[in-house]
PDB file of N, CA and C in Angstrom:
ATOM      1  N   MET A   1    -103.512 -82.216-152.559  1.00  0.00           N
ATOM      2  CA  MET A   1    -104.276 -80.955-151.868  1.00  0.00           C
ATOM      3  C   MET A   1    -103.098 -80.049-151.661  1.00  0.00           C
ATOM      4  N   GLY A   2    -102.051 -80.438-151.649  1.00  0.00           N
ATOM      5  CA  GLY A   2    -100.765 -79.481-151.369  1.00  0.00           C
ATOM      6  C   GLY A   2    -100.588 -78.830-152.457  1.00  0.00           C
ATOM      7  N   LYS A   3    -100.505 -79.294-153.799  1.00  0.00           N
ATOM      8  CA  LYS A   3    -100.461 -78.488-154.991  1.00  0.00           C
ATOM      9  C   LYS A   3    -101.320 -77.418-155.103  1.00  0.00           C
ATOM     10  N   THR A   4    -102.710 -77.553-155.084  1.00  0.00           N
ATOM     11  CA  THR A   4    -103.962 -76.710-155.197  1.00  0.00           C
ATOM     12  C   THR A   4    -103.589 -75.378-154.021  1.00  0.00           C
ATOM     13  N   HIS A   5    -103.235 -75.637-153.000  1.00  0.00           N
ATOM     14  CA  HIS A   5    -102.786 -74.600-151.747  1.00  0.00           C
ATOM     15  C   HIS A   5    -101.554 -73.997-152.505  1.00  0.00           C
ATOM     16  N   ASN A   6    -100.408 -74.620-153.078  1.00  0.00           N
ATOM     17  CA  ASN A   6     -99.472 -73.900-153.699  1.00  0.00           C
ATOM     18  C   ASN A   6     -99.622 -73.038-155.016  1.00  0.00           C
ATOM     19  N   SER A   7    -101.088 -73.429-155.626  1.00  0.00           N
ATOM     20  CA  SER A   7    -101.464 -72.879-156.752  1.00  0.00           C
ATOM     21  C   SER A   7    -102.012 -71.439-156.154  1.00  0.00           C
ATOM     22  N   GLU A   8    -102.767 -71.633-155.180  1.00  0.00           N
ATOM     23  CA  GLU A   8    -103.510 -70.501-154.531  1.00  0.00           C
ATOM     24  C   GLU A   8    -102.624 -69.198-153.902  1.00  0.00           C
ATOM     25  N   THR A   9    -101.580 -69.954-153.209  1.00  0.00           N
ATOM     26  CA  THR A   9    -100.326 -69.416-152.758  1.00  0.00           C
ATOM     27  C   THR A   9    -100.124 -68.313-153.819  1.00  0.00           C
ATOM     28  N   GLY A  10     -99.489 -69.234-154.972  1.00  0.00           N
ATOM     29  CA  GLY A  10     -98.793 -68.453-155.809  1.00  0.00           C
ATOM     30  C   GLY A  10     -99.362 -67.515-156.417  1.00  0.00           C
ATOM     31  N   ASN A  11    -100.968 -68.059-156.989  1.00  0.00           N
ATOM     32  CA  ASN A  11    -101.834 -66.854-157.482  1.00  0.00           C
ATOM     33  C   ASN A  11    -102.105 -65.308-156.554  1.00  0.00           C
ATOM     34  N   TRP A  12    -101.917 -65.833-155.300  1.00  0.00           N
ATOM     35  CA  TRP A  12    -102.113 -64.553-154.164  1.00  0.00           C
ATOM     36  C   TRP A  12    -100.968 -63.798-154.374  1.00  0.00           C
ATOM     37  N   GLY A  13     -99.450 -64.546-154.087  1.00  0.00           N
ATOM     38  CA  GLY A  13     -98.461 -63.911-154.367  1.00  0.00           C
ATOM     39  C   GLY A  13     -98.263 -62.870-155.717  1.00  0.00           C
ATOM     40  N   GLU A  14     -98.524 -63.485-156.885  1.00  0.00           N
ATOM     41  CA  GLU A  14     -98.594 -62.479-158.195  1.00  0.00           C
ATOM     42  C   GLU A  14     -99.450 -61.500-158.011  1.00  0.00           C
ATOM     43  N   GLU A  15    -100.588 -61.736-157.627  1.00  0.00           N
ATOM     44  CA  GLU A  15    -101.583 -60.633-157.392  1.00  0.00           C
ATOM     45  C   GLU A  15    -101.040 -59.551-156.616  1.00  0.00           C
ATOM     46  N   THR A  16    -100.341 -60.156-155.505  1.00  0.00           N
ATOM     47  CA  THR A  16    -100.031 -58.865-154.521  1.00  0.00           C
ATOM     48  C   THR A  16     -98.910 -58.155-154.852  1.00  0.00           C
ATOM     49  N   ALA A  17     -97.974 -58.943-155.900  1.00  0.00           N
ATOM     50  CA  ALA A  17     -96.884 -58.510-156.328  1.00  0.00           C
ATOM     51  C   ALA A  17     -97.164 -57.624-157.633  1.00  0.00           C
ATOM     52  N   ALA A  18     -98.048 -57.790-158.339  1.00  0.00           N
ATOM     53  CA  ALA A  18     -98.325 -56.957-159.470  1.00  0.00           C
ATOM     54  C   ALA A  18     -98.896 -55.756-158.909  1.00  0.00           C
ATOM     55  N   HIS A  19     -99.822 -55.700-157.633  1.00  0.00           N
ATOM     56  CA  HIS A  19    -100.556 -54.871-157.324  1.00  0.00           C
ATOM     57  C   HIS A  19     -99.511 -53.702-156.533  1.00  0.00           C
ATOM     58  N   TYR A  20     -98.505 -54.407-155.938  1.00  0.00           N
ATOM     59  CA  TYR A  20     -97.209 -53.417-155.350  1.00  0.00           C
ATOM     60  C   TYR A  20     -96.452 -52.828-156.357  1.00  0.00           C
ATOM     61  N   LEU A  21     -96.146 -53.273-157.508  1.00  0.00           N
ATOM     62  CA  LEU A  21     -95.594 -52.783-158.361  1.00  0.00           C
ATOM     63  C   LEU A  21     -96.390 -51.738-159.010  1.00  0.00           C
ATOM     64  N   GLU A  22     -97.442 -51.896-159.197  1.00  0.00           N
ATOM     65  CA  GLU A  22     -98.290 -50.697-159.899  1.00  0.00           C
ATOM     66  C   GLU A  22     -98.612 -49.584-158.862  1.00  0.00           C
ATOM     67  N   ALA A  23     -99.006 -49.972-157.994  1.00  0.00           N
ATOM     68  CA  ALA A  23     -99.585 -48.873-156.794  1.00  0.00           C
ATOM     69  C   ALA A  23     -98.164 -48.227-156.207  1.00  0.00           C
ATOM     70  N   GLN A  24     -97.301 -49.038-155.463  1.00  0.00           N
ATOM     71  CA  GLN A  24     -96.376 -48.463-154.825  1.00  0.00           C
ATOM     72  C   GLN A  24     -95.148 -47.976-155.676  1.00  0.00           C
ATOM     73  N   LYS A  25     -94.515 -48.676-156.974  1.00  0.00           N
ATOM     74  CA  LYS A  25     -93.401 -48.351-157.757  1.00  0.00           C
ATOM     75  C   LYS A  25     -93.855 -47.798-159.183  1.00  0.00           C
ATOM     76  N   GLY A  26     -95.163 -47.632-159.515  1.00  0.00           N
ATOM     77  CA  GLY A  26     -95.674 -46.984-160.621  1.00  0.00           C
ATOM     78  C   GLY A  26     -95.179 -47.845-161.876  1.00  0.00           C
ATOM     79  N   PHE A  27     -95.225 -48.689-161.655  1.00  0.00           N
ATOM     80  CA  PHE A  27     -94.329 -50.253-163.011  1.00  0.00           C
ATOM     81  C   PHE A  27     -95.996 -50.140-163.694  1.00  0.00           C
ATOM     82  N   THR A  28     -95.989 -50.469-165.050  1.00  0.00           N
ATOM     83  CA  THR A  28     -97.057 -50.762-165.798  1.00  0.00           C
ATOM     84  C   THR A  28     -97.147 -52.134-166.357  1.00  0.00           C
ATOM     85  N   ILE A  29     -97.866 -52.867-165.589  1.00  0.00           N
ATOM     86  CA  ILE A  29     -97.930 -54.222-166.058  1.00  0.00           C
ATOM     87  C   ILE A  29     -98.148 -54.405-167.480  1.00  0.00           C
ATOM     88  N   VAL A  30     -97.335 -55.510-168.178  1.00  0.00           N
ATOM     89  CA  VAL A  30     -97.634 -55.845-169.662  1.00  0.00           C
ATOM     90  C   VAL A  30     -98.152 -56.940-169.801  1.00  0.00           C
ATOM     91  N   HIS A  31     -97.721 -58.027-169.202  1.00  0.00           N
ATOM     92  CA  HIS A  31     -98.072 -59.557-168.992  1.00  0.00           C
ATOM     93  C   HIS A  31     -97.773 -60.051-167.584  1.00  0.00           C
ATOM     94  N   ARG A  32     -98.995 -61.271-167.506  1.00  0.00           N
ATOM     95  CA  ARG A  32     -98.927 -61.819-166.123  1.00  0.00           C
ATOM     96  C   ARG A  32     -99.006 -63.505-166.716  1.00  0.00           C
ATOM     97  N   ASN A  33     -97.932 -64.092-165.721  1.00  0.00           N
ATOM     98  CA  ASN A  33     -97.770 -65.753-166.224  1.00  0.00           C
ATOM     99  C   ASN A  33     -97.910 -65.720-167.997  1.00  0.00           C
ATOM    100  N   LEU A  34     -96.733 -64.905-168.229  1.00  0.00           N
ATOM    101  CA  LEU A  34     -96.266 -65.017-169.641  1.00  0.00           C
ATOM    102  C   LEU A  34     -95.758 -66.615-169.915  1.00  0.00           C
ATOM    103  N   ARG A  35     -95.908 -67.564-170.669  1.00  0.00           N
ATOM    104  CA  ARG A  35     -95.281 -68.618-170.919  1.00  0.00           C
ATOM    105  C   ARG A  35     -94.447 -68.184-172.453  1.00  0.00           C
ATOM    106  N   LEU A  36     -92.993 -68.389-172.463  1.00  0.00           N
ATOM    107  CA  LEU A  36     -92.285 -68.471-173.524  1.00  0.00           C
ATOM    108  C   LEU A  36     -91.314 -69.501-173.528  1.00  0.00           C
ATOM    109  N   GLY A  37     -91.626 -70.153-174.623  1.00  0.00           N
ATOM    110  CA  GLY A  37     -90.941 -71.858-174.641  1.00  0.00           C
ATOM    111  C   GLY A  37     -91.231 -72.595-173.412  1.00  0.00           C
ATOM    112  N   ARG A  38     -90.259 -73.005-172.605  1.00  0.00           N
ATOM    113  CA  ARG A  38     -90.571 -73.816-171.774  1.00  0.00           C
ATOM    114  C   ARG A  38     -90.512 -73.115-170.278  1.00  0.00           C
ATOM    115  N   SER A  39     -90.370 -71.612-170.447  1.00  0.00           N
ATOM    116  CA  SER A  39     -90.498 -70.837-169.416  1.00  0.00           C
ATOM    117  C   SER A  39     -91.611 -70.281-169.250  1.00  0.00           C
ATOM    118  N   GLU A  40     -91.855 -69.807-167.886  1.00  0.00           N
ATOM    119  CA  GLU A  40     -93.078 -68.644-167.618  1.00  0.00           C
ATOM    120  C   GLU A  40     -92.399 -67.534-166.646  1.00  0.00           C
ATOM    121  N   VAL A  41     -92.671 -66.326-167.128  1.00  0.00           N
ATOM    122  CA  VAL A  41     -92.583 -65.313-166.426  1.00  0.00           C
ATOM    123  C   VAL A  41     -93.740 -64.699-165.775  1.00  0.00           C
ATOM    124  N   ASP A  42     -93.328 -64.708-164.450  1.00  0.00           N
ATOM    125  CA  ASP A  42     -94.725 -64.238-163.394  1.00  0.00           C
ATOM    126  C   ASP A  42     -95.337 -62.919-163.690  1.00  0.00           C
ATOM    127  N   ILE A  43     -94.288 -61.812-163.937  1.00  0.00           N
ATOM    128  CA  ILE A  43     -95.099 -60.704-164.190  1.00  0.00           C
ATOM    129  C   ILE A  43     -93.898 -60.027-165.270  1.00  0.00           C
ATOM    130  N   LEU A  44     -94.481 -59.387-166.323  1.00  0.00           N
ATOM    131  CA  LEU A  44     -93.422 -58.463-167.185  1.00  0.00           C
ATOM    132  C   LEU A  44     -94.110 -57.002-167.226  1.00  0.00           C
ATOM    133  N   CYS A  45     -93.468 -56.027-166.888  1.00  0.00           N
ATOM    134  CA  CYS A  45     -94.053 -54.743-166.720  1.00  0.00           C
ATOM    135  C   CYS A  45     -92.567 -53.925-167.115  1.00  0.00           C
ATOM    136  N   MET A  46     -93.355 -52.635-167.425  1.00  0.00           N
ATOM    137  CA  MET A  46     -92.437 -51.527-167.535  1.00  0.00           C
ATOM    138  C   MET A  46     -92.083 -50.634-166.665  1.00  0.00           C
ATOM    139  N   ASP A  47     -90.940 -50.246-166.118  1.00  0.00           N
ATOM    140  CA  ASP A  47     -90.325 -49.133-165.257  1.00  0.00           C
ATOM    141  C   ASP A  47     -89.817 -47.960-166.213  1.00  0.00           C
ATOM    142  N   ASP A  48     -90.870 -46.953-166.551  1.00  0.00           N
ATOM    143  CA  ASP A  48     -90.217 -46.240-167.224  1.00  0.00           C
ATOM    144  C   ASP A  48     -90.124 -46.575-168.733  1.00  0.00           C
ATOM    145  N   LEU A  49     -88.857 -46.860-169.109  1.00  0.00           N
ATOM    146  CA  LEU A  49     -88.554 -47.165-170.313  1.00  0.00           C
ATOM    147  C   LEU A  49     -87.591 -48.610-170.315  1.00  0.00           C
ATOM    148  N   THR A  50     -87.857 -49.031-169.268  1.00  0.00           N
ATOM    149  CA  THR A  50     -86.968 -50.243-168.814  1.00  0.00           C
ATOM    150  C   THR A  50     -88.300 -51.590-168.590  1.00  0.00           C
ATOM    151  N   LEU A  51     -87.871 -52.494-169.554  1.00  0.00           N
ATOM    152  CA  LEU A  51     -89.076 -54.151-169.753  1.00  0.00           C
ATOM    153  C   LEU A  51     -88.432 -54.318-168.470  1.00  0.00           C
ATOM    154  N   VAL A  52     -89.103 -55.086-167.473  1.00  0.00           N
ATOM    155  CA  VAL A  52     -88.726 -56.107-166.218  1.00  0.00           C
ATOM    156  C   VAL A  52     -89.121 -56.921-166.123  1.00  0.00           C
ATOM    157  N   PHE A  53     -88.760 -57.941-166.286  1.00  0.00           N
ATOM    158  CA  PHE A  53     -88.875 -59.534-166.040  1.00  0.00           C
ATOM    159  C   PHE A  53     -88.903 -59.920-164.690  1.00  0.00           C
ATOM    160  N   VAL A  54     -90.015 -60.229-164.045  1.00  0.00           N
ATOM    161  CA  VAL A  54     -90.253 -60.141-162.749  1.00  0.00           C
ATOM    162  C   VAL A  54     -90.550 -62.013-162.291  1.00  0.00           C
ATOM    163  N   GLU A  55     -89.717 -62.178-160.773  1.00  0.00           N
ATOM    164  CA  GLU A  55     -89.919 -63.733-160.696  1.00  0.00           C
ATOM    165  C   GLU A  55     -90.506 -63.212-159.249  1.00  0.00           C
ATOM    166  N   VAL A  56     -91.675 -63.995-159.067  1.00  0.00           N
ATOM    167  CA  VAL A  56     -92.274 -63.656-157.825  1.00  0.00           C
ATOM    168  C   VAL A  56     -91.905 -64.934-156.884  1.00  0.00           C
ATOM    169  N   LYS A  57     -91.620 -64.957-155.570  1.00  0.00           N
ATOM    170  CA  LYS A  57     -91.359 -65.741-154.593  1.00  0.00           C
ATOM    171  C   LYS A  57     -92.145 -65.605-153.291  1.00  0.00           C
ATOM    172  N   VAL A  58     -92.891 -66.786-152.993  1.00  0.00           N
ATOM    173  CA  VAL A  58     -93.941 -66.556-151.647  1.00  0.00           C
ATOM    174  C   VAL A  58     -93.663 -67.632-150.646  1.00  0.00           C
ATOM    175  N   ARG A  59     -93.129 -67.325-149.688  1.00  0.00           N
ATOM    176  CA  ARG A  59     -92.697 -68.296-148.518  1.00  0.00           C
ATOM    177  C   ARG A  59     -93.965 -67.657-147.367  1.00  0.00           C
ATOM    178  N   LYS A  60     -94.311 -68.680-146.281  1.00  0.00           N
ATOM    179  CA  LYS A  60     -95.152 -68.440-145.285  1.00  0.00           C
ATOM    180  C   LYS A  60     -94.273 -67.756-144.197  1.00  0.00           C
ATOM    181  N   ASN A  61     -93.315 -68.096-144.065  1.00  0.00           N
ATOM    182  CA  ASN A  61     -92.260 -67.741-143.088  1.00  0.00           C
ATOM    183  C   ASN A  61     -90.775 -67.945-143.528  1.00  0.00           C
ATOM    184  N   SER A  62     -89.982 -67.389-142.672  1.00  0.00           N
ATOM    185  CA  SER A  62     -88.683 -67.525-143.194  1.00  0.00           C
ATOM    186  C   SER A  62     -87.548 -68.506-142.774  1.00  0.00           C
ATOM    187  N   GLN A  63     -88.471 -69.497-142.008  1.00  0.00           N
ATOM    188  CA  GLN A  63     -87.913 -70.753-141.237  1.00  0.00           C
ATOM    189  C   GLN A  63     -86.897 -71.499-142.188  1.00  0.00           C
ATOM    190  N   PHE A  64     -87.219 -71.700-143.383  1.00  0.00           N
ATOM    191  CA  PHE A  64     -86.120 -72.409-144.017  1.00  0.00           C
ATOM    192  C   PHE A  64     -85.110 -71.290-145.132  1.00  0.00           C
ATOM    193  N   GLY A  65     -85.667 -70.197-145.059  1.00  0.00           N
ATOM    194  CA  GLY A  65     -84.944 -69.306-145.468  1.00  0.00           C
ATOM    195  C   GLY A  65     -85.609 -68.087-146.516  1.00  0.00           C
ATOM    196  N   HIS A  66     -85.250 -67.058-146.694  1.00  0.00           N
ATOM    197  CA  HIS A  66     -85.924 -66.062-147.197  1.00  0.00           C
ATOM    198  C   HIS A  66     -86.617 -66.446-148.806  1.00  0.00           C
ATOM    199  N   PRO A  67     -87.827 -65.644-148.988  1.00  0.00           N
ATOM    200  CA  PRO A  67     -88.009 -66.167-150.414  1.00  0.00           C
ATOM    201  C   PRO A  67     -87.234 -65.840-151.599  1.00  0.00           C
ATOM    202  N   GLU A  68     -86.279 -64.840-151.339  1.00  0.00           N
ATOM    203  CA  GLU A  68     -85.522 -64.508-152.560  1.00  0.00           C
ATOM    204  C   GLU A  68     -84.342 -65.575-152.856  1.00  0.00           C
ATOM    205  N   SER A  69     -83.964 -66.273-151.719  1.00  0.00           N
ATOM    206  CA  SER A  69     -82.872 -67.195-151.433  1.00  0.00           C
ATOM    207  C   SER A  69     -83.346 -68.505-152.276  1.00  0.00           C
ATOM    208  N   PHE A  70     -84.446 -68.519-152.733  1.00  0.00           N
ATOM    209  CA  PHE A  70     -84.987 -69.912-153.470  1.00  0.00           C
ATOM    210  C   PHE A  70     -84.847 -69.520-155.007  1.00  0.00           C
ATOM    211  N   VAL A  71     -84.555 -68.530-155.490  1.00  0.00           N
ATOM    212  CA  VAL A  71     -84.308 -68.238-156.954  1.00  0.00           C
ATOM    213  C   VAL A  71     -82.898 -68.185-157.369  1.00  0.00           C
ATOM    214  N   ASP A  72     -82.753 -69.472-157.696  1.00  0.00           N
ATOM    215  CA  ASP A  72     -81.376 -70.038-158.146  1.00  0.00           C
ATOM    216  C   ASP A  72     -80.855 -69.667-159.696  1.00  0.00           C
ATOM    217  N   GLY A  73     -79.662 -70.259-159.897  1.00  0.00           N
ATOM    218  CA  GLY A  73     -79.085 -70.031-161.202  1.00  0.00           C
ATOM    219  C   GLY A  73     -80.004 -70.795-162.452  1.00  0.00           C
ATOM    220  N   LYS A  74     -80.865 -71.790-161.849  1.00  0.00           N
ATOM    221  CA  LYS A  74     -81.339 -72.437-162.839  1.00  0.00           C
ATOM    222  C   LYS A  74     -82.862 -71.818-163.094  1.00  0.00           C
ATOM    223  N   LYS A  75     -83.428 -70.755-162.328  1.00  0.00           N
ATOM    224  CA  LYS A  75     -84.441 -70.028-162.751  1.00  0.00           C
ATOM    225  C   LYS A  75     -83.964 -68.883-163.347  1.00  0.00           C
ATOM    226  N   ALA A  76     -82.761 -68.402-162.937  1.00  0.00           N
ATOM    227  CA  ALA A  76     -82.401 -67.126-163.923  1.00  0.00           C
ATOM    228  C   ALA A  76     -82.020 -67.467-165.259  1.00  0.00           C
ATOM    229  N   GLY A  77     -81.475 -68.797-165.525  1.00  0.00           N
ATOM    230  CA  GLY A  77     -81.113 -69.286-166.870  1.00  0.00           C
ATOM    231  C   GLY A  77     -82.598 -69.272-167.456  1.00  0.00           C
ATOM    232  N   HIS A  78     -83.672 -69.650-166.820  1.00  0.00           N
ATOM    233  CA  HIS A  78     -84.904 -69.749-167.440  1.00  0.00           C
ATOM    234  C   HIS A  78     -85.654 -68.259-167.825  1.00  0.00           C
ATOM    235  N   LEU A  79     -85.187 -67.438-166.862  1.00  0.00           N
ATOM    236  CA  LEU A  79     -85.647 -66.229-167.120  1.00  0.00           C
ATOM    237  C   LEU A  79     -84.794 -65.296-168.328  1.00  0.00           C
ATOM    238  N   HIS A  80     -83.802 -65.660-168.610  1.00  0.00           N
ATOM    239  CA  HIS A  80     -82.888 -65.366-169.406  1.00  0.00           C
ATOM    240  C   HIS A  80     -83.424 -65.742-170.915  1.00  0.00           C
ATOM    241  N   ARG A  81     -83.599 -66.814-170.728  1.00  0.00           N
ATOM    242  CA  ARG A  81     -83.939 -67.599-172.237  1.00  0.00           C
ATOM    243  C   ARG A  81     -85.450 -67.092-172.634  1.00  0.00           C
ATOM    244  N   ALA A  82     -86.191 -66.758-171.691  1.00  0.00           N
ATOM    245  CA  ALA A  82     -87.585 -66.489-171.440  1.00  0.00           C
ATOM    246  C   ALA A  82     -87.606 -64.805-172.443  1.00  0.00           C
ATOM    247  N   ALA A  83     -86.458 -64.216-171.723  1.00  0.00           N
ATOM    248  CA  ALA A  83     -86.131 -62.595-172.476  1.00  0.00           C
ATOM    249  C   ALA A  83     -85.886 -62.790-173.846  1.00  0.00           C
ATOM    250  N   ASP A  84     -84.619 -63.578-173.996  1.00  0.00           N
ATOM    251  CA  ASP A  84     -84.309 -63.760-175.346  1.00  0.00           C
ATOM    252  C   ASP A  84     -85.459 -64.107-176.296  1.00  0.00           C
ATOM    253  N   LEU A  85     -86.411 -64.878-175.830  1.00  0.00           N
ATOM    254  CA  LEU A  85     -87.543 -65.236-176.855  1.00  0.00           C
ATOM    255  C   LEU A  85     -88.536 -64.141-176.974  1.00  0.00           C
ATOM    256  N   TYR A  86     -88.904 -63.646-176.066  1.00  0.00           N
ATOM    257  CA  TYR A  86     -89.421 -62.386-176.235  1.00  0.00           C
ATOM    258  C   TYR A  86     -89.010 -61.113-176.803  1.00  0.00           C
ATOM    259  N   LEU A  87     -87.821 -60.737-176.623  1.00  0.00           N
ATOM    260  CA  LEU A  87     -87.207 -59.661-177.545  1.00  0.00           C
ATOM    261  C   LEU A  87     -87.029 -60.180-178.904  1.00  0.00           C
ATOM    262  N   GLU A  88     -87.018 -61.443-179.091  1.00  0.00           N
ATOM    263  CA  GLU A  88     -86.778 -61.582-180.404  1.00  0.00           C
ATOM    264  C   GLU A  88     -88.005 -61.426-181.299  1.00  0.00           C
ATOM    265  N   GLN A  89     -89.239 -62.309-180.602  1.00  0.00           N
ATOM    266  CA  GLN A  89     -90.695 -62.081-181.054  1.00  0.00           C
ATOM    267  C   GLN A  89     -91.175 -60.687-181.187  1.00  0.00           C
ATOM    268  N   THR A  90     -90.891 -59.852-180.183  1.00  0.00           N
ATOM    269  CA  THR A  90     -91.249 -58.452-180.271  1.00  0.00           C
ATOM    270  C   THR A  90     -90.939 -57.531-180.676  1.00  0.00           C
ATOM    271  N   GLY A  91     -89.209 -57.641-180.998  1.00  0.00           N
ATOM    272  CA  GLY A  91     -88.426 -56.798-181.449  1.00  0.00           C
ATOM    273  C   GLY A  91     -88.083 -55.408-180.311  1.00  0.00           C
ATOM    274  N   PHE A  92     -88.169 -55.742-179.120  1.00  0.00           N
ATOM    275  CA  PHE A  92     -87.922 -54.925-178.551  1.00  0.00           C
ATOM    276  C   PHE A  92     -86.515 -54.493-178.365  1.00  0.00           C
ATOM    277  N   SER A  93     -85.875 -53.342-178.338  1.00  0.00           N
ATOM    278  CA  SER A  93     -84.815 -53.037-178.172  1.00  0.00           C
ATOM    279  C   SER A  93     -83.941 -52.115-177.054  1.00  0.00           C
ATOM    280  N   GLY A  94     -85.320 -51.787-176.070  1.00  0.00           N
ATOM    281  CA  GLY A  94     -84.769 -50.915-174.864  1.00  0.00           C
ATOM    282  C   GLY A  94     -83.903 -51.843-174.009  1.00  0.00           C
ATOM    283  N   PHE A  95     -83.829 -51.163-172.682  1.00  0.00           N
ATOM    284  CA  PHE A  95     -83.313 -51.636-171.626  1.00  0.00           C
ATOM    285  C   PHE A  95     -83.977 -53.097-171.159  1.00  0.00           C
ATOM    286  N   ILE A  96     -83.402 -53.578-170.710  1.00  0.00           N
ATOM    287  CA  ILE A  96     -84.079 -54.825-169.524  1.00  0.00           C
ATOM    288  C   ILE A  96     -83.718 -54.844-168.074  1.00  0.00           C
ATOM    289  N   ARG A  97     -84.642 -55.678-167.647  1.00  0.00           N
ATOM    290  CA  ARG A  97     -84.028 -56.055-166.194  1.00  0.00           C
ATOM    291  C   ARG A  97     -84.436 -57.030-165.685  1.00  0.00           C
ATOM    292  N   PHE A  98     -84.125 -57.772-164.403  1.00  0.00           N
ATOM    293  CA  PHE A  98     -84.417 -59.089-163.900  1.00  0.00           C
ATOM    294  C   PHE A  98     -84.394 -58.680-162.474  1.00  0.00           C
ATOM    295  N   ASP A  99     -85.753 -58.711-161.783  1.00  0.00           N
ATOM    296  CA  ASP A  99     -86.333 -58.296-160.480  1.00  0.00           C
ATOM    297  C   ASP A  99     -87.019 -59.420-159.876  1.00  0.00           C
ATOM    298  N   VAL A 100     -86.861 -59.631-158.541  1.00  0.00           N
ATOM    299  CA  VAL A 100     -87.504 -60.567-157.734  1.00  0.00           C
ATOM    300  C   VAL A 100     -88.068 -59.674-156.846  1.00  0.00           C
ATOM    301  N   VAL A 101     -89.548 -60.312-156.596  1.00  0.00           N
ATOM    302  CA  VAL A 101     -90.502 -59.711-155.787  1.00  0.00           C
ATOM    303  C   VAL A 101     -90.664 -60.809-154.344  1.00  0.00           C
ATOM    304  N   ALA A 102     -90.241 -60.739-153.454  1.00  0.00           N
ATOM    305  CA  ALA A 102     -90.120 -62.006-152.543  1.00  0.00           C
ATOM    306  C   ALA A 102     -91.243 -61.512-151.289  1.00  0.00           C
ATOM    307  N   ILE A 103     -92.012 -62.275-151.090  1.00  0.00           N
ATOM    308  CA  ILE A 103     -93.173 -62.128-150.051  1.00  0.00           C
ATOM    309  C   ILE A 103     -93.209 -63.226-149.061  1.00  0.00           C
ATOM    310  N   THR A 104     -93.261 -62.719-147.879  1.00  0.00           N
ATOM    311  CA  THR A 104     -92.917 -63.416-146.630  1.00  0.00           C
ATOM    312  C   THR A 104     -94.593 -63.446-145.880  1.00  0.00           C
ATOM    313  N   GLY A 105     -95.113 -64.423-145.508  1.00  0.00           N
ATOM    314  CA  GLY A 105     -96.624 -64.319-144.730  1.00  0.00           C
ATOM    315  C   GLY A 105     -97.683 -64.843-145.783  1.00  0.00           C
ATOM    316  N   SER A 106     -98.712 -64.361-145.429  1.00  0.00           N
ATOM    317  CA  SER A 106    -100.086 -64.584-145.635  1.00  0.00           C
ATOM    318  C   SER A 106    -100.982 -63.560-146.187  1.00  0.00           C
ATOM    319  N   PRO A 107    -102.194 -63.788-146.875  1.00  0.00           N
ATOM    320  CA  PRO A 107    -102.916 -62.511-146.937  1.00  0.00           C
ATOM    321  C   PRO A 107    -103.163 -61.501-145.597  1.00  0.00           C
ATOM    322  N   LYS A 108    -103.147 -62.567-144.472  1.00  0.00           N
ATOM    323  CA  LYS A 108    -103.448 -61.355-143.413  1.00  0.00           C
ATOM    324  C   LYS A 108    -102.639 -60.715-142.920  1.00  0.00           C
ATOM    325  N   SER A 109    -101.297 -61.429-143.017  1.00  0.00           N
ATOM    326  CA  SER A 109    -100.077 -60.489-142.697  1.00  0.00           C
ATOM    327  C   SER A 109     -98.868 -60.754-143.497  1.00  0.00           C
ATOM    328  N   PHE A 110     -98.413 -59.903-144.029  1.00  0.00           N
ATOM    329  CA  PHE A 110     -97.088 -60.164-144.944  1.00  0.00           C
ATOM    330  C   PHE A 110     -96.371 -59.109-145.072  1.00  0.00           C
ATOM    331  N   GLU A 111     -95.138 -59.499-145.072  1.00  0.00           N
ATOM    332  CA  GLU A 111     -93.909 -58.331-145.814  1.00  0.00           C
ATOM    333  C   GLU A 111     -93.807 -58.482-147.303  1.00  0.00           C
ATOM    334  N   ILE A 112     -93.262 -57.644-147.926  1.00  0.00           N
ATOM    335  CA  ILE A 112     -93.093 -57.248-149.412  1.00  0.00           C
ATOM    336  C   ILE A 112     -91.676 -56.623-149.685  1.00  0.00           C
ATOM    337  N   LEU A 113     -90.988 -57.567-150.360  1.00  0.00           N
ATOM    338  CA  LEU A 113     -89.636 -56.907-150.396  1.00  0.00           C
ATOM    339  C   LEU A 113     -89.418 -57.020-152.159  1.00  0.00           C
ATOM    340  N   HIS A 114     -88.984 -55.776-152.547  1.00  0.00           N
ATOM    341  CA  HIS A 114     -88.650 -55.871-154.060  1.00  0.00           C
ATOM    342  C   HIS A 114     -87.037 -55.686-154.186  1.00  0.00           C
ATOM    343  N   LEU A 115     -86.700 -56.380-155.127  1.00  0.00           N
ATOM    344  CA  LEU A 115     -85.366 -56.444-155.266  1.00  0.00           C
ATOM    345  C   LEU A 115     -84.802 -56.034-156.857  1.00  0.00           C
ATOM    346  N   PRO A 116     -84.739 -54.917-156.914  1.00  0.00           N
ATOM    347  CA  PRO A 116     -84.379 -54.642-158.769  1.00  0.00           C
ATOM    348  C   PRO A 116     -82.930 -55.243-158.994  1.00  0.00           C
ATOM    349  N   ASP A 117     -82.984 -55.587-160.275  1.00  0.00           N
ATOM    350  CA  ASP A 117     -81.781 -55.901-160.653  1.00  0.00           C
ATOM    351  C   ASP A 117     -80.992 -56.989-160.222  1.00  0.00           C
ATOM    352  N   PHE A 118     -81.888 -58.682-159.926  1.00  0.00           N
ATOM    353  CA  PHE A 118     -81.551 -59.372-158.718  1.00  0.00           C
ATOM    354  C   PHE A 118     -80.713 -60.155-159.582  1.00  0.00           C
ATOM    355  N   PHE A 119     -80.340 -60.371-160.911  1.00  0.00           N
ATOM    356  CA  PHE A 119     -79.798 -61.269-161.450  1.00  0.00           C
ATOM    357  C   PHE A 119     -79.130 -60.570-162.893  1.00  0.00           C
TER     358      PHE A 119
END
């Protein structure tokens, strides 16, 4: 039961983050839940001419730390490998960036924090 709840929370968080990036930041979503090798990119989008790999982290509260504090070196490594694969497969040669969108709360009440160039 916990896995389903986590999956629902993750899906809500990714949907909320994608909407925020489009509506508030003017980004264009290219892919969601893009699997590249053993890694998954939550959101891949364009910020003007920059390709942005976005990791979304959701926590109900910050009792055990803010969501962004759960993005560690291992996760950064996965995203960098995913980016390498994507660039190799598509031939994209422009600027890239790695962002985090941290969401604290639930669908009824939440705070969202966009952290560009997180790593």
